[in-house]
């Protein structure tokens, strides 16, 4: 998939666990894993906003388009 999710990078920068992040965003740890592993087909803007609020970052810090990825 040409969109790469960089949640793990932002969590590592803040030394925040997936469990803490999931709780603060309002997701289950399993759903965070789906996002982190690039298996999500969509992300709600409200979820993206919550992730950015918790991590104090911009959407572009969490999502990156990479040329040459497989097309769906």
N, C-alpha and C. Protein backbone atom coordinates (compact mmCIF):
# COMPACT_ATOMS: atom_id res chain seq x y z
N UNK A 1 0.85 -1.18 0.00
CA UNK A 1 0.00 0.00 0.00
C UNK A 1 0.89 1.24 0.00
N UNK A 2 0.58 2.20 -0.85
CA UNK A 2 1.45 3.37 -0.93
C UNK A 2 1.34 4.34 0.25
N UNK A 3 0.38 4.15 1.15
CA UNK A 3 0.30 4.97 2.35
C UNK A 3 0.93 4.18 3.50
N UNK A 4 1.96 4.77 4.11
CA UNK A 4 2.66 4.13 5.22
C UNK A 4 2.26 4.83 6.51
N UNK A 5 1.89 4.05 7.51
CA UNK A 5 1.48 4.59 8.81
C UNK A 5 2.70 4.60 9.73
N UNK A 6 2.98 5.75 10.33
CA UNK A 6 4.17 5.94 11.14
C UNK A 6 3.85 6.14 12.63
N UNK A 7 2.78 5.52 13.10
CA UNK A 7 2.41 5.66 14.50
C UNK A 7 3.53 5.16 15.41
N UNK A 8 4.16 4.05 15.02
CA UNK A 8 5.21 3.48 15.87
C UNK A 8 6.37 4.44 16.07
N UNK A 9 6.70 5.21 15.04
CA UNK A 9 7.79 6.20 15.15
C UNK A 9 7.43 7.27 16.17
N UNK A 10 6.21 7.77 16.07
CA UNK A 10 5.77 8.83 16.99
C UNK A 10 5.65 8.31 18.42
N UNK A 11 5.19 7.07 18.58
CA UNK A 11 5.11 6.48 19.93
C UNK A 11 6.51 6.33 20.52
N UNK A 12 7.45 5.88 19.71
CA UNK A 12 8.83 5.70 20.20
C UNK A 12 9.44 7.03 20.61
N UNK A 13 9.20 8.08 19.84
CA UNK A 13 9.73 9.41 20.18
C UNK A 13 9.24 9.87 21.55
N UNK A 14 8.01 9.46 21.88
CA UNK A 14 7.41 9.91 23.15
C UNK A 14 7.51 8.86 24.25
N UNK A 15 8.12 7.72 23.92
CA UNK A 15 8.24 6.61 24.86
C UNK A 15 6.87 6.25 25.44
N UNK A 16 5.88 6.18 24.55
CA UNK A 16 4.51 5.87 24.94
C UNK A 16 4.18 4.45 24.48
N UNK A 17 3.54 3.69 25.33
CA UNK A 17 3.16 2.32 24.97
C UNK A 17 1.91 2.33 24.11
N UNK A 18 1.72 1.25 23.38
CA UNK A 18 0.51 1.09 22.57
C UNK A 18 -0.72 1.10 23.46
N UNK A 19 -0.64 0.47 24.61
CA UNK A 19 -1.78 0.45 25.53
C UNK A 19 -2.17 1.83 26.01
N UNK A 20 -1.18 2.62 26.41
CA UNK A 20 -1.47 3.99 26.86
C UNK A 20 -2.05 4.82 25.72
N UNK A 21 -1.44 4.70 24.54
CA UNK A 21 -1.91 5.43 23.37
C UNK A 21 -3.36 5.05 23.05
N UNK A 22 -3.64 3.76 23.01
CA UNK A 22 -4.99 3.28 22.70
C UNK A 22 -6.01 3.84 23.68
N UNK A 23 -5.66 3.80 24.96
CA UNK A 23 -6.58 4.30 25.98
C UNK A 23 -6.84 5.80 25.81
N UNK A 24 -5.78 6.56 25.58
CA UNK A 24 -5.93 8.02 25.46
C UNK A 24 -6.66 8.42 24.19
N UNK A 25 -6.52 7.64 23.11
CA UNK A 25 -7.20 7.94 21.85
C UNK A 25 -8.64 7.43 21.86
N UNK A 26 -8.89 6.36 22.61
CA UNK A 26 -10.23 5.78 22.65
C UNK A 26 -10.37 4.61 21.68
N UNK A 27 -9.27 3.91 21.42
CA UNK A 27 -9.28 2.73 20.56
C UNK A 27 -8.87 1.51 21.39
N UNK A 28 -9.13 0.33 20.84
CA UNK A 28 -8.61 -0.87 21.47
C UNK A 28 -7.17 -1.06 21.01
N UNK A 29 -6.34 -1.71 21.83
CA UNK A 29 -4.98 -2.01 21.37
C UNK A 29 -4.95 -2.80 20.06
N UNK A 30 -5.95 -3.66 19.84
CA UNK A 30 -6.03 -4.42 18.59
C UNK A 30 -6.24 -3.50 17.40
N UNK A 31 -7.07 -2.49 17.55
CA UNK A 31 -7.29 -1.54 16.45
C UNK A 31 -6.06 -0.68 16.20
N UNK A 32 -5.32 -0.34 17.24
CA UNK A 32 -4.07 0.39 17.06
C UNK A 32 -3.09 -0.49 16.27
N UNK A 33 -3.06 -1.77 16.58
CA UNK A 33 -2.19 -2.70 15.85
C UNK A 33 -2.56 -2.76 14.38
N UNK A 34 -3.85 -2.77 14.08
CA UNK A 34 -4.30 -2.78 12.69
C UNK A 34 -3.80 -1.52 11.97
N UNK A 35 -3.89 -0.39 12.63
CA UNK A 35 -3.39 0.86 12.04
C UNK A 35 -1.88 0.82 11.86
N UNK A 36 -1.17 0.42 12.91
CA UNK A 36 0.30 0.39 12.88
C UNK A 36 0.83 -0.53 11.79
N UNK A 37 0.16 -1.65 11.58
CA UNK A 37 0.63 -2.64 10.62
C UNK A 37 0.18 -2.38 9.19
N UNK A 38 -0.52 -1.26 8.98
CA UNK A 38 -0.94 -0.89 7.63
C UNK A 38 -2.07 -1.73 7.08
N UNK A 39 -2.83 -2.40 7.94
CA UNK A 39 -3.94 -3.24 7.48
C UNK A 39 -5.26 -2.50 7.44
N UNK A 40 -5.30 -1.27 7.95
CA UNK A 40 -6.55 -0.50 7.96
C UNK A 40 -6.86 -0.03 6.54
N UNK A 41 -8.13 -0.09 6.18
CA UNK A 41 -8.57 0.38 4.87
C UNK A 41 -9.00 1.84 4.91
N UNK A 42 -9.27 2.34 6.12
CA UNK A 42 -9.74 3.72 6.27
C UNK A 42 -9.46 4.18 7.70
N UNK A 43 -9.39 5.50 7.87
CA UNK A 43 -9.25 6.10 9.19
C UNK A 43 -10.22 7.27 9.26
N UNK A 44 -11.04 7.30 10.27
CA UNK A 44 -11.97 8.42 10.44
C UNK A 44 -11.18 9.68 10.80
N UNK A 45 -11.65 10.81 10.32
CA UNK A 45 -11.00 12.07 10.67
C UNK A 45 -11.03 12.30 12.17
N UNK A 46 -12.09 11.87 12.84
CA UNK A 46 -12.16 12.05 14.30
C UNK A 46 -11.08 11.23 14.99
N UNK A 47 -10.78 10.04 14.46
CA UNK A 47 -9.71 9.21 15.02
C UNK A 47 -8.36 9.83 14.74
N UNK A 48 -8.17 10.32 13.53
CA UNK A 48 -6.91 10.98 13.17
C UNK A 48 -6.70 12.21 14.04
N UNK A 49 -7.75 12.97 14.28
CA UNK A 49 -7.66 14.16 15.13
C UNK A 49 -7.26 13.76 16.55
N UNK A 50 -7.86 12.69 17.07
CA UNK A 50 -7.54 12.25 18.43
C UNK A 50 -6.09 11.78 18.52
N UNK A 51 -5.63 11.06 17.50
CA UNK A 51 -4.24 10.60 17.50
C UNK A 51 -3.28 11.78 17.47
N UNK A 52 -3.58 12.78 16.65
CA UNK A 52 -2.73 13.97 16.58
C UNK A 52 -2.75 14.75 17.89
N UNK A 53 -3.92 14.83 18.53
CA UNK A 53 -4.02 15.53 19.81
C UNK A 53 -3.18 14.83 20.87
N UNK A 54 -3.31 13.51 20.96
CA UNK A 54 -2.58 12.75 21.97
C UNK A 54 -1.07 12.82 21.74
N UNK A 55 -0.66 12.76 20.47
CA UNK A 55 0.77 12.76 20.14
C UNK A 55 1.33 14.16 19.89
N UNK A 56 0.45 15.17 19.90
CA UNK A 56 0.85 16.55 19.63
C UNK A 56 1.66 16.62 18.33
N UNK A 57 1.01 16.14 17.24
CA UNK A 57 1.68 16.10 15.95
C UNK A 57 0.68 16.47 14.85
N UNK A 58 1.17 16.49 13.63
CA UNK A 58 0.35 16.76 12.47
C UNK A 58 0.01 15.44 11.76
N UNK A 59 -1.09 15.38 10.98
CA UNK A 59 -1.42 14.16 10.26
C UNK A 59 -0.27 13.64 9.39
N UNK A 60 0.50 14.53 8.81
CA UNK A 60 1.63 14.13 7.99
C UNK A 60 2.74 13.45 8.77
N UNK A 61 2.74 13.61 10.08
CA UNK A 61 3.71 12.90 10.92
C UNK A 61 3.32 11.43 11.09
N UNK A 62 2.03 11.14 10.89
CA UNK A 62 1.52 9.79 11.08
C UNK A 62 1.32 9.02 9.78
N UNK A 63 1.10 9.74 8.69
CA UNK A 63 0.82 9.12 7.40
C UNK A 63 1.79 9.64 6.36
N UNK A 64 2.29 8.73 5.52
CA UNK A 64 3.22 9.12 4.47
C UNK A 64 2.88 8.37 3.20
N UNK A 65 2.82 9.08 2.08
CA UNK A 65 2.62 8.46 0.78
C UNK A 65 3.97 8.07 0.21
N UNK A 66 4.10 6.81 -0.23
CA UNK A 66 5.34 6.32 -0.79
C UNK A 66 5.08 5.87 -2.22
N UNK A 67 5.79 6.47 -3.16
CA UNK A 67 5.62 6.11 -4.57
C UNK A 67 6.05 4.68 -4.81
N UNK A 68 5.38 4.03 -5.76
CA UNK A 68 5.78 2.67 -6.13
C UNK A 68 5.16 1.59 -5.30
N UNK A 69 4.26 1.93 -4.38
CA UNK A 69 3.59 0.91 -3.58
C UNK A 69 2.57 0.17 -4.41
N UNK A 70 2.11 -0.95 -3.92
CA UNK A 70 1.13 -1.73 -4.66
C UNK A 70 -0.21 -1.01 -4.68
N UNK A 71 -0.93 -1.12 -5.76
CA UNK A 71 -2.24 -0.51 -5.90
C UNK A 71 -3.32 -1.46 -5.42
N UNK A 72 -4.36 -0.91 -4.79
CA UNK A 72 -5.44 -1.75 -4.29
C UNK A 72 -6.55 -1.86 -5.33
